[in-house]
Protein backbone atom coordinates (compact mmCIF):
# COMPACT_ATOMS: atom_id res chain seq x y z
CA MET A 1 59.82 8.33 126.58
CA LYS A 2 57.15 9.63 124.53
CA LYS A 3 58.83 12.72 123.66
CA ALA A 4 61.71 10.45 122.32
CA ILE A 5 59.14 8.81 120.45
CA LEU A 6 57.90 11.43 118.74
CA ALA A 7 60.83 12.81 117.50
CA VAL A 8 62.25 9.27 116.18
CA SER A 9 58.70 9.37 114.59
CA LEU A 10 58.47 13.36 113.26
CA ILE A 11 62.85 13.02 111.85
CA SER A 12 62.10 9.43 110.13
CA ALA A 13 59.38 11.15 108.48
CA ALA A 14 60.45 14.00 107.17
CA PHE A 15 63.48 12.16 106.24
CA SER A 16 61.68 9.77 103.95
CA ALA A 17 59.77 12.69 102.39
CA HIS A 18 62.41 14.82 101.51
CA ALA A 19 64.07 11.65 99.87
CA ALA A 20 60.72 11.58 97.97
CA GLY A 21 61.15 14.77 96.91
CA LEU A 22 57.83 16.00 98.67
CA SER A 23 56.81 19.97 98.41
CA CYS A 24 57.00 22.14 101.89
CA ASP A 25 53.67 21.88 102.32
CA ASP A 26 53.20 18.48 101.54
CA LEU A 27 56.10 17.45 103.80
CA LYS A 28 54.64 19.90 106.57
CA ALA A 29 50.96 18.15 106.27
CA LYS A 30 52.27 14.70 106.53
CA ILE A 31 54.43 15.78 109.50
CA GLU A 32 51.60 17.58 110.24
CA LYS A 33 49.67 14.21 110.56
CA LYS A 34 52.25 12.10 112.09
CA VAL A 35 51.95 14.09 115.00
CA ALA A 36 48.28 14.61 115.62
CA SER A 37 48.04 10.69 115.34
CA LYS A 38 50.88 10.90 118.28
CA GLY A 39 48.01 12.86 120.21
CA VAL A 40 49.87 15.97 120.69
CA LYS A 41 47.52 18.96 120.50
CA ALA A 42 49.59 21.99 121.23
CA TYR A 43 52.51 22.84 118.45
CA THR A 44 53.72 24.98 115.52
CA LEU A 45 55.59 23.55 112.57
CA THR A 46 57.35 26.58 110.81
CA VAL A 47 58.80 26.78 107.55
CA VAL A 48 62.09 29.13 107.42
CA ALA A 49 65.02 29.63 105.43
CA LYS A 50 68.04 26.97 106.10
CA ASP A 51 70.18 29.09 107.45
CA THR A 52 67.39 31.08 110.06
CA PRO A 53 68.80 30.16 113.51
CA SER A 54 66.42 28.43 115.97
CA LYS A 55 65.97 27.12 119.35
CA ASN A 56 63.16 24.74 117.76
CA ARG A 57 63.83 21.07 116.32
CA VAL A 58 64.59 20.94 113.07
CA VAL A 59 62.21 17.68 111.83
CA GLY A 60 62.13 18.02 108.05
CA ALA A 61 64.30 19.52 104.96
CA CYS A 62 62.46 20.49 101.81
CA ASP A 63 62.85 22.64 98.44
CA LYS A 64 66.05 20.82 97.80
CA GLY A 65 67.37 21.75 101.08
CA SER A 66 66.87 25.67 100.85
CA MET A 67 64.17 25.48 103.39
CA LYS A 68 63.79 23.11 107.25
CA ILE A 69 60.89 22.77 108.75
CA LEU A 70 61.18 23.66 112.91
CA TYR A 71 58.76 21.45 115.53
CA GLU A 72 58.02 23.62 118.75
CA ARG A 73 55.92 22.02 120.92
CA VAL A 74 53.59 25.12 122.89
CA ARG A 75 52.02 25.01 125.68
CA GLU A 76 48.33 24.69 125.85
CA THR A 77 46.02 26.72 127.88
CA VAL A 78 43.17 26.04 129.68
CA GLY A 79 40.54 28.64 129.54
CA LYS A 80 38.28 29.29 132.35
CA GLY A 81 34.24 28.57 132.18
CA SER A 82 31.91 31.64 130.50
């Protein structure tokens, strides 16, 4: 359920930001803030050309639709004590 809520939040933030014409850096920062507020710690956001194939979730479009922002949740690594 949390993943669904996070996905909807990311997508809605991305589309509203895209409509406002934000740069890729501004949109990425806005999405990062939204993800962090949901408590997600281990993830990556990557800006790529819109034609770049990916298995990751597209959470935004920028640069007049020529670029997209990909979200990937990554596995947190637990370090061993020193």
